[in-house]
Structure formats: C-alpha cells, structure tokens
Protein backbone atom coordinates (compact mmCIF):
# COMPACT_ATOMS: atom_id res chain seq x y z
CA MET A 1 59.46 10.17 120.51
CA LEU A 2 57.15 13.19 120.59
CA PHE A 3 56.94 13.22 124.37
CA LYS A 4 59.59 13.35 127.09
CA LYS A 5 59.76 10.68 129.82
CA ASP A 6 57.86 12.92 132.21
CA GLY A 7 54.87 12.98 129.84
CA ASN A 8 55.35 16.65 128.78
CA PHE A 9 55.61 17.76 125.19
CA LYS A 10 59.11 17.81 123.72
CA ASN A 11 59.16 21.59 123.46
CA SER A 12 56.87 24.57 123.51
CA VAL A 13 56.65 24.71 119.71
CA TYR A 14 55.37 21.11 119.53
CA ASN A 15 52.99 21.77 122.36
CA THR A 16 51.51 24.80 120.60
CA ILE A 17 51.05 23.00 117.29
CA ILE A 18 49.71 19.61 118.62
CA LYS A 19 47.16 21.26 120.86
CA LYS A 20 45.52 22.55 117.75
CA LYS A 21 44.91 18.99 116.34
CA ASP A 22 41.50 17.37 116.83
CA LYS A 23 40.56 13.75 117.45
CA LYS A 24 39.87 13.04 113.80
CA SER A 25 43.45 13.82 113.02
CA MET A 26 44.60 11.41 115.71
CA LYS A 27 42.45 8.61 114.32
CA LYS A 28 43.89 9.16 110.88
CA ARG A 29 47.37 8.77 112.29
CA HIS A 30 46.45 5.57 114.06
CA LEU A 31 45.05 4.11 110.82
CA ILE A 32 48.27 4.90 109.00
CA TRP A 33 50.30 3.21 111.71
CA LEU A 34 48.06 0.11 111.55
CA ILE A 35 48.40 -0.25 107.78
CA THR A 36 52.14 0.10 108.03
CA LEU A 37 52.27 -2.60 110.70
CA LEU A 38 50.20 -5.03 108.59
CA ALA A 39 52.46 -4.50 105.59
CA ALA A 40 55.51 -5.26 107.65
CA THR A 41 53.92 -8.49 108.98
CA LEU A 42 53.11 -9.67 105.43
CA LEU A 43 56.67 -9.14 104.28
CA LEU A 44 57.93 -11.10 107.25
CA CYS A 45 55.73 -14.04 106.42
CA LEU A 46 56.95 -14.12 102.84
CA ALA A 47 60.48 -14.19 104.03
CA CYS A 48 59.84 -17.17 106.28
CA THR A 49 58.22 -19.13 103.47
CA GLY A 50 61.28 -18.60 101.30
CA ASN A 51 63.56 -19.98 103.92
CA ASN A 52 61.50 -23.20 104.21
CA ALA A 53 61.65 -23.81 100.49
CA ALA A 54 65.39 -23.50 100.48
CA ALA A 55 65.66 -26.08 103.24
CA ASN A 56 63.51 -28.68 101.24
CA PRO A 57 64.53 -28.31 97.59
CA GLU A 58 62.99 -31.58 96.44
CA GLN A 59 59.67 -30.67 97.81
CA SER A 60 59.67 -27.38 96.06
CA SER A 61 61.16 -28.34 92.72
CA GLY A 62 58.03 -29.75 91.18
CA THR A 63 55.49 -27.32 92.36
CA GLY A 64 54.46 -23.87 91.19
CA ASP A 65 53.98 -22.55 94.74
CA THR A 66 57.74 -22.18 95.46
CA ILE A 67 59.54 -18.80 95.82
CA ASP A 68 62.10 -17.82 93.18
CA ASN A 69 65.60 -18.59 94.45
CA ARG A 70 66.75 -15.11 93.29
CA LEU A 71 64.74 -13.61 96.10
CA VAL A 72 66.44 -15.66 98.79
CA GLU A 73 70.12 -15.57 97.83
CA SER A 74 71.07 -14.38 101.27
CA ASP A 75 70.36 -15.97 104.58
CA GLU A 76 68.78 -12.74 105.96
CA ILE A 77 66.50 -10.04 104.58
CA SER A 78 66.49 -6.60 106.27
CA ILE A 79 63.10 -5.00 106.31
CA VAL A 80 63.22 -1.11 106.75
CA THR A 81 60.07 0.50 107.86
CA PRO A 82 59.99 4.26 106.80
CA GLU A 83 59.41 6.53 109.73
CA PRO A 84 56.35 8.66 109.19
CA ASP A 85 57.00 12.52 108.93
CA LEU A 86 55.37 13.26 112.22
CA HIS A 87 56.39 17.06 112.18
CA ARG A 88 55.57 18.13 108.63
CA GLU A 89 52.65 20.23 109.61
CA GLU A 90 54.53 21.82 112.49
CA LEU A 91 57.47 22.60 110.18
CA ASP A 92 55.24 24.05 107.47
CA ALA A 93 53.55 26.23 110.04
CA ILE A 94 56.93 27.76 110.90
CA LEU A 95 58.29 28.13 107.37
CA LYS A 96 55.08 29.48 105.84
CA ARG A 97 54.03 31.78 108.66
CA ALA A 98 52.59 35.24 107.91
CA THR A 99 54.15 37.01 110.89
CA MET A 100 57.52 37.91 112.37
CA LEU A 101 59.13 35.42 114.74
CA ASP A 102 59.01 36.04 118.45
CA GLY A 103 62.20 37.80 119.61
CA VAL A 104 62.72 39.81 116.39
CA THR A 105 63.30 43.56 116.71
CA ILE A 106 63.80 46.09 113.92
CA ASN A 107 65.76 49.24 114.72
CA GLY A 108 65.25 48.32 118.39
CA VAL A 109 61.45 48.01 118.09
CA SER A 110 59.91 44.60 118.98
CA VAL A 111 57.91 43.20 116.03
CA GLY A 112 57.42 39.55 117.12
CA GLY A 113 54.06 38.13 115.95
CA MET A 114 53.41 41.16 113.69
CA THR A 115 52.57 41.05 110.01
CA LEU A 116 54.81 42.89 107.55
CA GLU A 117 52.64 45.99 107.48
CA GLU A 118 52.15 45.98 111.23
CA ALA A 119 55.91 45.88 111.66
CA ARG A 120 56.38 48.69 109.11
CA ASN A 121 53.97 50.94 110.97
CA ALA A 122 55.54 50.12 114.31
CA VAL A 123 59.12 50.82 113.23
CA ALA A 124 58.58 53.83 110.92
CA PRO A 125 58.65 56.50 113.71
CA SER A 126 62.04 55.32 114.93
CA VAL A 127 63.42 55.43 111.39
CA ASP A 128 62.17 58.97 110.91
CA ALA A 129 63.74 59.97 114.21
CA LYS A 130 67.03 58.41 113.17
CA LYS A 131 67.00 60.35 109.91
CA GLN A 132 66.29 63.60 111.72
CA ALA A 133 69.16 62.95 114.10
CA LEU A 134 71.72 62.40 111.32
CA SER A 135 74.20 65.27 111.69
CA VAL A 136 77.90 65.17 110.83
CA THR A 137 80.40 68.03 111.26
CA VAL A 138 83.06 68.49 108.57
CA THR A 139 86.25 70.41 109.35
CA LEU A 140 88.98 71.74 107.11
CA GLY A 141 91.64 73.65 108.98
CA ASP A 142 89.84 76.41 110.85
CA ALA A 143 86.67 76.01 108.78
CA SER A 144 83.79 73.75 109.80
CA GLU A 145 80.28 73.01 108.55
CA THR A 146 77.47 70.72 109.70
CA PHE A 147 75.83 68.36 107.23
CA SER A 148 72.36 67.30 108.42
CA SER A 149 68.94 66.19 107.20
CA GLU A 150 67.94 69.86 107.20
CA THR A 151 70.40 70.66 104.43
CA VAL A 152 70.98 67.32 102.70
CA SER A 153 68.43 64.66 101.71
CA VAL A 154 68.68 61.45 103.74
CA THR A 155 67.88 57.89 102.57
CA ASP A 156 67.39 54.59 104.49
CA ASN A 157 67.31 50.82 103.93
CA PHE A 158 64.06 50.31 105.88
CA ASN A 159 62.33 48.24 103.20
CA GLU A 160 65.29 45.92 102.79
CA VAL A 161 65.54 45.41 106.54
CA LEU A 162 61.79 44.65 106.81
CA SER A 163 62.09 42.02 104.11
CA GLU A 164 65.15 40.46 105.72
CA ALA A 165 63.49 40.24 109.14
CA PHE A 166 60.26 38.83 107.69
CA ASN A 167 62.14 36.14 105.73
CA LEU A 168 64.08 34.95 108.74
CA VAL A 169 64.01 31.12 109.08
CA ARG A 170 62.24 30.29 105.82
CA GLU A 171 64.57 27.52 104.59
CA ASP A 172 63.69 23.86 105.27
CA ASN A 173 66.69 22.55 107.20
CA GLY A 174 64.69 19.87 109.03
CA PHE A 175 62.34 20.13 111.93
CA GLU A 176 65.00 19.77 114.60
CA ALA A 177 67.30 22.53 113.16
CA VAL A 178 64.45 24.91 112.35
CA SER A 179 62.79 24.55 115.71
CA ALA A 180 66.14 25.02 117.46
CA GLU A 181 66.79 28.28 115.57
CA VAL A 182 63.26 29.52 116.33
CA GLU A 183 63.79 28.81 120.00
CA ASN A 184 67.18 30.59 119.98
CA ILE A 185 65.65 33.72 118.43
CA ARG A 186 62.80 33.66 120.93
CA ALA A 187 65.19 33.31 123.87
CA ASN A 188 68.07 35.59 122.77
CA GLY A 189 66.42 37.99 120.33
CA ARG A 190 67.57 39.11 116.87
CA ASP A 191 67.75 42.82 115.95
CA PHE A 192 67.76 44.24 112.45
CA PRO A 193 69.05 47.86 112.56
CA VAL A 194 67.93 50.33 109.89
CA THR A 195 70.76 52.32 108.32
CA VAL A 196 70.26 55.98 107.35
CA ALA A 197 72.66 57.90 105.09
CA PHE A 198 72.88 61.08 103.02
CA GLU A 199 71.53 60.76 99.49
CA GLU A 200 74.56 60.65 97.21
CA ASN A 201 73.68 63.28 94.60
CA ALA A 202 72.49 65.77 97.20
CA LEU A 203 75.58 65.05 99.29
CA ARG A 204 77.92 65.65 96.36
CA SER A 205 76.31 69.02 95.72
CA ALA A 206 76.72 70.01 99.37
CA VAL A 207 80.35 68.84 99.39
CA ASP A 208 81.05 70.92 96.26
CA VAL A 209 79.69 74.03 97.95
CA PHE A 210 81.79 73.39 101.06
CA ALA A 211 84.94 72.69 99.05
CA ASP A 212 84.53 75.74 96.82
CA ALA A 213 84.16 77.97 99.85
CA ASN A 214 87.04 76.58 101.89
CA GLU A 215 89.69 75.08 99.67
CA THR A 216 92.50 77.35 98.48
CA LYS A 217 94.43 77.41 95.28
CA PRO A 218 98.21 77.78 95.46
CA ILE A 219 99.43 81.37 95.24
CA ASP A 220 102.89 82.16 93.96
CA ALA A 221 105.19 84.39 95.95
CA ALA A 222 105.43 87.90 94.55
CA VAL A 223 107.37 91.09 94.94
CA GLY A 224 105.89 94.56 95.23
CA TYR A 225 106.39 98.00 96.61
CA ASN A 226 105.56 98.87 100.19
CA LYS A 227 104.46 102.49 99.94
CA GLU A 228 104.25 103.08 103.69
CA GLU A 229 107.83 101.95 104.27
CA ASN A 230 109.11 102.86 100.78
CA LYS A 231 110.80 99.53 100.19
CA ILE A 232 110.62 96.28 98.32
CA ASP A 233 108.01 94.03 99.88
CA PHE A 234 107.91 90.28 99.31
CA THR A 235 104.61 88.42 99.50
CA PRO A 236 105.16 84.80 100.63
CA ASP A 237 103.80 81.90 98.66
CA VAL A 238 100.63 80.13 99.81
CA THR A 239 100.29 76.37 99.62
CA GLY A 240 97.05 75.32 97.98
CA ARG A 241 94.61 73.00 99.74
CA VAL A 242 92.25 71.10 97.45
CA VAL A 243 89.52 68.89 98.94
CA ASP A 244 89.33 65.27 97.79
CA ARG A 245 85.63 65.46 97.13
CA ASP A 246 85.03 61.78 96.36
CA ALA A 247 86.75 60.73 99.57
CA LEU A 248 84.75 63.25 101.59
CA VAL A 249 81.47 61.99 100.12
CA GLU A 250 82.40 58.44 101.06
CA ALA A 251 83.40 59.47 104.59
CA LEU A 252 80.09 61.27 105.12
CA GLN A 253 78.07 58.33 103.82
CA ASN A 254 79.79 56.04 106.32
CA ALA A 255 79.65 58.47 109.26
CA ASN A 256 77.31 58.13 112.22
CA ALA A 257 75.21 60.86 113.76
CA GLY A 258 77.34 63.18 115.86
CA ASP A 259 80.61 62.27 114.14
CA THR A 260 83.20 64.86 113.13
CA VAL A 261 84.98 64.25 109.84
CA GLU A 262 88.20 65.98 108.79
CA ALA A 263 87.84 66.75 105.10
CA PRO A 264 90.55 64.88 103.21
CA ALA A 265 92.58 67.44 101.31
CA VAL A 266 95.59 67.43 99.03
CA GLU A 267 98.16 70.19 99.49
CA THR A 268 99.52 71.74 96.31
CA PRO A 269 102.69 73.84 96.66
CA ALA A 270 103.02 77.12 94.81
CA ALA A 271 105.05 77.14 91.63
CA VAL A 272 107.07 80.17 92.82
CA THR A 273 108.22 80.16 96.44
CA LEU A 274 109.36 83.06 98.58
CA ALA A 275 112.92 81.80 98.30
CA ASP A 276 112.62 81.88 94.51
CA VAL A 277 111.41 85.49 94.53
CA GLU A 278 114.06 86.66 96.96
CA LYS A 279 116.70 85.25 94.65
CA GLN A 280 115.14 86.93 91.62
CA TYR A 281 114.94 90.42 93.14
CA VAL A 282 118.30 91.77 94.16
CA LEU A 283 119.70 95.28 94.22
CA ARG A 284 121.04 95.61 90.67
CA SER A 285 122.24 99.18 91.13
CA SER A 286 122.19 102.20 93.41
CA TYR A 287 123.33 105.78 92.82
CA THR A 288 123.38 108.73 95.23
CA THR A 289 123.81 112.47 94.64
CA SER A 290 124.02 115.38 97.10
CA TYR A 291 121.98 118.58 97.30
CA LYS A 292 122.57 119.61 100.88
CA LYS A 293 123.29 123.28 100.02
CA SER A 294 120.11 123.68 97.94
CA ILE A 295 117.40 126.11 98.92
CA LYS A 296 114.30 124.82 100.66
CA ASN A 297 112.05 124.95 97.61
CA ARG A 298 114.49 122.95 95.53
CA LYS A 299 114.76 120.37 98.31
CA TYR A 300 111.00 120.09 98.34
CA ASN A 301 110.86 119.54 94.56
CA ILE A 302 113.43 116.73 94.83
CA TYR A 303 111.56 115.18 97.74
CA LYS A 304 108.26 115.44 95.87
CA GLY A 305 109.70 113.94 92.68
CA ALA A 306 111.39 111.07 94.53
CA GLY A 307 108.01 110.18 96.03
CA MET A 308 106.43 110.11 92.58
CA ILE A 309 109.10 107.88 91.08
CA THR A 310 109.52 105.37 93.90
CA GLY A 311 107.64 102.10 93.56
CA THR A 312 107.57 102.22 89.76
CA ILE A 313 107.43 98.67 88.37
CA LEU A 314 108.54 98.07 84.81
CA HIS A 315 107.80 94.81 83.05
CA PRO A 316 110.26 93.53 80.46
CA GLY A 317 110.15 95.89 77.48
CA ASP A 318 108.41 98.74 79.38
CA THR A 319 109.88 102.23 79.07
CA PHE A 320 110.22 104.71 81.92
CA SER A 321 109.64 108.37 81.12
CA ALA A 322 110.73 111.05 83.60
CA ASN A 323 108.26 113.58 82.22
CA GLY A 324 105.53 110.95 82.06
CA THR A 325 106.05 110.15 85.72
CA LEU A 326 106.62 113.64 87.09
CA GLY A 327 104.07 115.39 84.89
CA VAL A 328 103.97 119.10 84.12
CA ARG A 329 105.81 121.13 86.71
CA ASN A 330 103.60 124.06 87.60
CA LYS A 331 101.92 125.64 90.58
CA ALA A 332 98.66 123.79 90.07
CA ASN A 333 100.48 120.44 90.34
CA GLY A 334 102.09 121.40 93.64
CA TRP A 335 105.61 122.26 92.48
CA LYS A 336 107.66 125.08 94.01
CA VAL A 337 109.74 127.77 92.33
CA ALA A 338 113.50 127.10 92.33
CA THR A 339 116.53 127.85 90.15
CA ALA A 340 116.86 126.23 86.72
CA TYR A 341 119.24 126.55 83.78
CA VAL A 342 118.02 128.45 80.74
CA ALA A 343 120.43 129.17 77.86
CA GLY A 344 123.47 129.47 80.09
CA ALA A 345 121.73 131.53 82.74
CA HIS A 346 119.99 130.81 86.01
CA GLU A 347 116.25 131.31 86.10
CA LYS A 348 113.58 130.54 88.67
CA GLN A 349 110.90 128.12 87.52
CA TYR A 350 108.35 125.78 89.04
CA GLY A 351 109.92 122.39 89.53
CA GLY A 352 113.50 123.61 89.63
CA GLY A 353 115.67 120.72 90.82
CA VAL A 354 113.90 117.83 89.04
CA CYS A 355 116.90 117.34 86.76
CA GLN A 356 118.79 115.98 89.76
CA LEU A 357 116.15 113.25 89.85
CA SER A 358 116.60 112.37 86.17
CA SER A 359 120.41 112.56 86.37
CA THR A 360 120.60 110.34 89.44
CA LEU A 361 118.22 107.82 87.86
CA TYR A 362 120.21 107.90 84.61
CA ASN A 363 123.32 106.68 86.42
CA ALA A 364 121.36 104.00 88.28
CA ALA A 365 119.80 102.81 85.00
CA VAL A 366 123.19 102.51 83.28
CA LEU A 367 124.64 100.63 86.27
CA ALA A 368 121.61 98.29 86.20
CA ASP A 369 122.36 97.55 82.51
CA MET A 370 119.12 99.10 81.26
CA GLU A 371 118.74 100.32 77.69
CA ILE A 372 118.91 104.13 77.51
CA VAL A 373 116.23 105.33 75.07
CA ASP A 374 116.39 109.14 75.38
CA ARG A 375 118.97 111.18 77.27
CA ARG A 376 120.38 114.68 76.81
CA ASN A 377 122.99 116.48 78.88
CA HIS A 378 122.45 119.99 80.27
CA SER A 379 123.52 123.11 78.38
CA MET A 380 126.08 123.64 81.14
CA PRO A 381 127.74 121.17 83.50
CA VAL A 382 126.02 120.58 86.84
CA ASP A 383 127.86 120.07 90.08
CA TYR A 384 126.04 117.04 91.54
CA VAL A 385 127.36 114.57 88.92
CA SER A 386 130.50 114.40 86.83
CA LYS A 387 130.53 116.00 83.41
CA GLY A 388 129.12 113.54 80.92
CA ARG A 389 126.91 111.77 83.46
CA ASP A 390 123.93 114.12 83.74
CA ALA A 391 120.46 113.87 82.13
CA THR A 392 118.30 116.96 81.79
CA ILE A 393 114.57 117.25 81.39
CA ASN A 394 112.53 120.31 80.47
CA SER A 395 110.18 121.82 83.00
CA ILE A 396 108.26 123.97 80.55
CA GLY A 397 106.44 122.01 77.85
CA ASN A 398 108.17 118.72 78.76
CA ILE A 399 110.06 118.88 75.47
CA ILE A 400 113.24 117.24 76.76
CA ASP A 401 112.75 113.86 78.44
CA PHE A 402 114.81 111.10 79.98
CA LYS A 403 113.71 107.57 79.08
CA PHE A 404 115.07 104.09 79.57
CA LYS A 405 113.72 100.64 78.77
CA ASN A 406 113.62 97.61 81.01
CA SER A 407 115.87 95.36 78.95
CA SER A 408 115.91 92.69 81.65
CA LYS A 409 114.21 89.31 81.37
CA SER A 410 112.15 90.09 84.47
CA ASP A 411 110.35 92.96 86.17
CA ILE A 412 112.34 95.74 87.79
CA ILE A 413 111.32 98.09 90.58
CA ILE A 414 112.63 101.62 91.07
CA ILE A 415 113.03 102.79 94.65
CA SER A 416 113.94 106.45 95.24
CA TYR A 417 114.31 108.27 98.56
CA VAL A 418 115.97 111.13 100.38
CA ASP A 419 117.99 110.82 103.55
CA ASN A 420 115.66 112.60 105.96
CA THR A 421 111.94 112.36 106.53
CA ASP A 422 111.95 116.13 106.94
CA TYR A 423 112.62 117.21 103.36
CA SER A 424 114.00 120.59 104.47
CA LYS A 425 116.79 118.80 106.30
CA ALA A 426 117.49 116.23 103.61
CA GLY A 427 120.59 116.52 101.44
CA LYS A 428 121.08 113.22 99.60
CA LEU A 429 119.01 111.55 96.89
CA THR A 430 119.30 107.82 96.16
CA MET A 431 117.92 105.82 93.25
CA GLU A 432 117.83 102.00 93.39
CA ILE A 433 116.85 99.48 90.75
CA TRP A 434 115.83 96.00 91.87
CA GLY A 435 115.46 92.94 89.66
CA ILE A 436 117.06 89.62 88.81
CA PRO A 437 120.87 89.55 88.98
CA ILE A 438 122.67 91.08 86.02
CA SER A 439 124.45 87.76 85.48
CA GLU A 440 121.14 86.09 84.68
CA ASP A 441 120.35 88.63 81.98
CA SER A 442 123.84 88.29 80.51
CA ASN A 443 123.76 84.47 80.71
CA GLY A 444 126.87 84.61 82.89
CA GLU A 445 128.89 86.81 80.54
CA TYR A 446 129.18 89.62 83.10
CA ASP A 447 127.76 90.45 86.53
CA GLU A 448 128.57 94.12 87.12
CA ILE A 449 128.51 97.44 85.27
CA ARG A 450 130.82 100.37 86.01
CA ILE A 451 131.06 103.89 84.59
CA PRO A 452 134.63 105.20 84.61
CA ASP A 453 135.22 108.95 84.78
CA PRO A 454 134.23 110.51 81.45
CA VAL A 455 137.04 111.96 79.34
CA LYS A 456 137.11 115.50 77.95
CA THR A 457 137.80 115.38 74.23
CA LYS A 458 137.32 119.01 73.15
CA THR A 459 137.08 122.58 74.42
CA LEU A 460 134.58 124.95 72.80
CA LYS A 461 135.09 128.75 72.64
CA PRO A 462 132.21 131.23 72.63
CA SER A 463 131.62 133.12 69.39
CA GLY A 464 130.40 136.68 68.81
CA ASP A 465 130.65 139.88 70.78
CA VAL A 466 129.62 140.46 74.32
CA GLU A 467 125.90 141.27 74.46
CA TYR A 468 124.42 144.21 76.37
CA ARG A 469 120.69 144.31 77.08
CA VAL A 470 119.33 147.71 78.04
CA ASP A 471 116.76 147.79 80.82
CA GLU A 472 115.08 151.20 80.89
CA THR A 473 113.79 150.55 84.36
CA LYS A 474 117.31 150.40 85.76
CA PRO A 475 119.19 153.48 86.98
CA ALA A 476 122.04 155.09 85.08
CA GLY A 477 125.29 153.15 85.46
CA TYR A 478 123.49 149.86 86.31
CA LYS A 479 125.24 146.67 85.09
CA GLU A 480 124.25 143.03 85.83
CA THR A 481 125.87 139.84 84.52
CA LEU A 482 123.15 137.66 83.07
CA VAL A 483 125.43 135.10 81.38
CA LYS A 484 129.09 134.74 82.13
CA ASN A 485 131.55 134.36 79.30
CA GLN A 486 132.34 130.65 79.43
CA ASN A 487 133.93 127.94 77.38
CA GLY A 488 132.10 124.79 76.34
CA SER A 489 133.41 121.23 76.21
CA VAL A 490 132.80 117.74 74.81
CA TRP A 491 132.99 114.66 77.02
CA GLU A 492 133.01 110.96 76.16
CA SER A 493 131.69 108.39 78.67
CA LYS A 494 132.23 104.64 78.66
CA LYS A 495 130.41 101.61 80.04
CA GLU A 496 132.52 98.79 81.46
CA TYR A 497 131.40 95.18 81.94
CA TYR A 498 132.93 93.05 84.70
CA LEU A 499 132.73 89.38 85.67
CA ASN A 500 133.92 88.48 89.15
CA GLY A 501 135.75 91.80 89.31
CA VAL A 502 137.58 91.32 86.01
CA LEU A 503 136.95 93.69 83.08
CA VAL A 504 135.57 91.70 80.14
CA LYS A 505 134.54 94.47 77.71
CA THR A 506 134.09 98.22 77.28
CA GLU A 507 131.51 100.11 75.22
CA ASN A 508 130.88 103.78 74.41
CA LEU A 509 128.09 105.15 76.56
CA ALA A 510 127.44 108.75 75.47
CA THR A 511 128.89 111.95 74.05
CA SER A 512 128.00 115.05 76.06
CA THR A 513 128.44 118.53 74.62
CA TYR A 514 128.25 121.56 76.90
CA LYS A 515 127.79 124.84 75.03
CA ALA A 516 130.10 127.83 75.09
CA PHE A 517 128.36 131.08 76.01
CA LYS A 518 129.37 134.67 75.39
CA ALA A 519 128.81 137.14 78.16
CA VAL A 520 125.43 138.83 78.42
CA TYR A 521 124.91 141.92 80.62
CA ILE A 522 121.85 143.89 81.66
CA VAL A 523 122.67 147.63 81.76
CA GLY A 524 121.00 150.92 82.45
CA PRO A 525 120.07 153.39 79.66
CA ASP A 526 123.39 155.32 79.74
CA ALA A 527 125.70 152.38 79.77
CA THR A 528 128.88 152.46 77.63
CA PRO A 529 129.96 151.09 75.30
CA ALA A 530 126.63 151.52 73.46
CA PRO A 531 124.79 148.25 73.11
CA THR A 532 124.25 146.75 69.69
CA ALA A 533 120.80 146.92 68.14
CA SER A 534 120.30 143.24 68.81
CA ALA A 535 120.98 143.80 72.45
CA THR A 536 118.35 146.46 73.11
CA ALA A 537 115.39 144.15 73.64
CA ALA A 538 113.51 144.68 76.85
CA VAL A 539 114.48 142.35 79.65
CA THR A 540 111.72 140.31 81.30
CA PRO A 541 112.16 140.45 85.04
CA SER A 542 112.61 137.14 86.83
CA PRO A 543 109.50 135.85 88.60
CA SER A 544 109.11 136.50 92.24
CA SER A 545 109.72 133.81 94.75
CA GLY A 546 107.46 130.75 94.60
CA PRO A 547 104.45 129.89 96.69
CA SER A 548 104.72 129.21 100.37
CA ASP A 549 105.97 125.77 101.36
CA PRO A 550 103.36 123.15 102.29
CA ASP A 551 103.94 121.00 105.30
CA PRO A 552 103.88 117.49 103.86
CA THR A 553 104.38 114.36 105.88
CA PRO A 554 107.15 112.53 104.06
CA THR A 555 107.25 108.78 103.75
CA PRO A 556 110.39 107.35 105.36
CA HIS A 557 112.51 104.89 103.45
CA SER A 558 113.50 101.62 105.00
CA ASP A 559 117.02 101.34 103.61
CA PRO A 560 117.96 97.76 102.57
CA ASP A 561 121.58 98.81 103.34
CA PRO A 562 122.93 98.77 99.78
CA THR A 563 126.57 99.66 99.10
CA PRO A 564 126.16 102.32 96.43
CA THR A 565 128.97 104.06 94.61
CA PRO A 566 127.86 107.66 95.14
CA HIS A 567 129.11 110.54 93.07
CA SER A 568 131.44 112.77 94.98
CA ASP A 569 130.07 116.15 94.06
CA PRO A 570 131.33 119.50 95.25
CA ASP A 571 129.40 121.57 97.70
CA PRO A 572 127.59 124.13 95.57
CA THR A 573 127.25 127.57 97.01
CA SER A 574 123.93 127.94 95.20
CA PRO A 575 121.68 125.55 93.33
CA SER A 576 122.62 125.17 89.69
CA ASP A 577 120.07 122.83 88.26
CA GLY A 578 118.90 122.05 84.76
CA GLY A 579 115.21 121.85 85.56
CA GLY A 580 114.36 124.33 82.83
CA ASP A 581 117.18 123.56 80.43
CA ASP A 582 116.75 123.85 76.69
C-alpha cells in the first residue's frame, strides 16, 4: 500500500514525489487498473467453462465449442496478476538526480541539494586551507627540518572525492532499499574527506636535500700526532648513518599535518674501529741517551731538533732523512753555536749537538726493525752511546746524512722528546717509534730486536810525525793542543732477533771505524822543535760564542710510560758531539 493506516504518505520521499503528480496522471493509473481487472475476469470465465466441459464429456465430444483437454489437466488454475511498478518514477528521480543527496558533506562542508559545480565551489576553500596547513617535521638525531606546502608541492584527491559523493546511491537496488539508504544518509549524514599529500617527485627532491645534509658516512678510526701534548693521538671511529630515502618519502606521504616523523636510517659501522687501530699502533721501540752535562746552547739544539723530528709519520716505503728534517744548521734557521767534532778536534759550530739526535734515532730505528739506508759513525767515539752505535750527520753542507726506510707493512710515527719542558734543565733525549707489532711484520718469526754490545776487532795507530802549527799572533813559548795523539779502532755490531724471549737468529749490523789521529799543536813563533813546512799554515781562530739564547716555550711530552733500554753513557765533563763531523 502507498499509504499508512492513518492516511499519511508512507514516507517523506513518497510524499515529495506524489505531490508533484497531476490529476491526468491519476486517471491514467485508474485506466490501467481497470484494464487489468477486466483481463483477470475474462481468464476466470474461461477457466469455469473448461471445468463444465470436463464434467459433461458426451456433451462436448461432438461440438467444436469445447475447450482442449490439455488446458484443463489440473483441477485448479492459478491466475497471477502482475503488480504494477507503482514507484518507478520515484526511483528514477532518485537514481538520475542532478544534485547531491541531503546529508552529504565533503571535507566537512554540507553540499546536500547542490550540483557538482556548486559543491566544487563550496568545498574548494577548505581544501586550499588544508593544503596550506600541511606541515610535517622530520628529525634525524639532533637535526630536524619542516616539510610544508611552502617548500614542497602538495596534491589532493578533491576531484575523485567530488565524483564519489555525487555518484552516491546510483545503483537500482529496488525502491525500498534505495529509499531506505537515502533516508539514512539524510538522517545520519555521510562525509567524504579530501586527502592532501606532498607531490612525490617534489618530495623526493626535498628528502634528498635533507638526507645529504644530515646523514653521515662511516669514518674509520685513525692514528695521528698530538702536537700540543707531543704524543700519539687516536681518533675514534664514527658509525655512519644513511637515511632510507624511500621509506622517508612514504612516511611523509602518509603523515598528517602537525606530525613529527623520525627519519628511518640505517647505521653503517666503520671498517676500522678504535680497537683495531689501538692494536695496530704499539710502541715498537724506544731509546734514550743522556746529555745532562752539556752546555746550554747544546741543550737548546737538542731540544729544538727533537721538536722538529717528533710527529713524523712515515708510510710503508718512505725514507726518513735527518738532514731533510732538521735542515741547514745556521744562525738564520735559529740554531745555536755549540761544540762539534772536526777531524779529531773540537770546534764550535751552529747546530752542535744534533748528532745526538741522529744517533739516538739510529738505535731506535734498528730496535724497531727498520731498514737502515745511510749511516756513518763519527770520526771519534762519542760518550752518549757505545762505540759502534752512533750515527753522525754533517752540520755544514749536510754532506753526511742518516736515513732509514719504513720497512713495515703499516705507517710508523716517530715521537721524540726531552725530559724537561725547560730545555736548559733537560738532560735526557728519548726517541720512540710506533707502529704495528714487529711480530706482524715478521709473520710471527720474531717479535723483538736487540743490539748486543759491539765488539772491538782492531786497534788503529796514528801515522806520521806530530804536527806543529805556528800562530804568529801568539806570544813566544805558547803551546796549545789542538788534536791529541790517539789510537783508532774498528767495531762490529750485531742485530739479534728474539721470539718470546728466545734468540732465533743473529745478523751483522754495521762496521764502525774510528780514525787514529796524530797530535797537532798550536805554538808561538819561537817554539822548538821547529815546525815542519807543512805545519806553518796560519791557524783560523775558533768562532766566538753563539747568539744569545731565545726563550722558547717547549712543548711537554705526555709519556706513554714505555720501558726503554737506555744506553748507560758516562757523564761527560764537556760536550763531545759530532755535529760537524767529516
């Protein structure tokens, strides 16, 4: 029935649609109902006639007015009268409407009864506002950056949502179901939110910029020289942090305005850790010599030279040169005048004392199992190392040099220092060589180098007569010993290889020859016996004392507490260095 018992329309939708029908439409419906009723009456009459014929077969057998028995096989005939589609027009009006249904909202804006374009215009401001409000903060550790519509293009699904809302309830599921859904939407509402998101290509570009600025690549641990503290300095490894850019793009596309997103990152450890480096750089050798009785200028030269050598890093195959590191020893380069050896005599020269640097480093280099490239002993033995264990360099012209090669598989670092930050009070010089353990270079064959006391193999006697050099500036009877009459000698040194304290092999290290010198005297003009013709050359006076001492601020050494095997040298009463040796 179209109406309820109380005479009202069945529902508000019916009421709205039927009110629009005019009387002509109602008459047309009545005519249809009348025709249907007449058809049903006719069929009923035919059925009755058939039943009568079946009850009187004889009467019907001879006539042509009887009904075919095939039509009346059963005692009853059901006549179904099709119900007229009373709601077709109402249903079509719903399904084919040109407006949004009542109760529909898009992005929170009511659009019921609006056309598609009306709804677009009504909702557009809210979509624009939503796009402007899109702002997401990305963090990575201590770094953060805001991604917003001001820096990244923003897209929306507004058109898709409009179409979806407009096409709501367009499928013919029958008048009852359709009208029920329409009523539910009207009563309870149906919202279609518009989604805004960052445009993918623009977002990827912004993510790349953020990642490049904030992600870190792994950094291997390293070893270096700390100049301020004069020691080995280890730089710890840094774990890399690489942003997963695809994952970050996806997270930002799914984020809501005001969200904070932690950038997904993958940590990549360094290939070389601090523990690895600390194992690879150990104290391979240390050697200490004494100069506590030296004059102040000589102490300064040793202090100055130690500061120039310390921190030297040699890569595998690199060669250290003492002259190359210390440079020319002269006044202009800041060196002081001190005693040096020249042809068996003592002479004052700029840089006197530097041979103690080269000799101390020579011993450290041998103990560190370095390859000795160039080494020469002094013309006379020195008293800060044993005979056969010294290495001279030449202060004038840098003709004589001390060189050694880094024969290790890894870098080495030379650390040199004196025992007091006030160079005038210092009296010990130490040379250290740091690198991988000796056992790694020897593939486990040996792990320690020792130098036993060198052995004297020959004594050399001076040849020729005593030499007298006449100095006309001296008074009558004057006599000065320039060179003492002294024997020379030859010394052989060895290099011993140990493994776990056990001697595994011995090799020759060096042969050192110290010259024999005949006596040389400086005499006045009346000296007897008469000097030989060769001994009458004028004597060049020794230079005056060197320049005044500067007041440097020495760099203290932070001692790693090695256990060196220092040379036990005698206490010299005066410096006897080979800084100017030939």
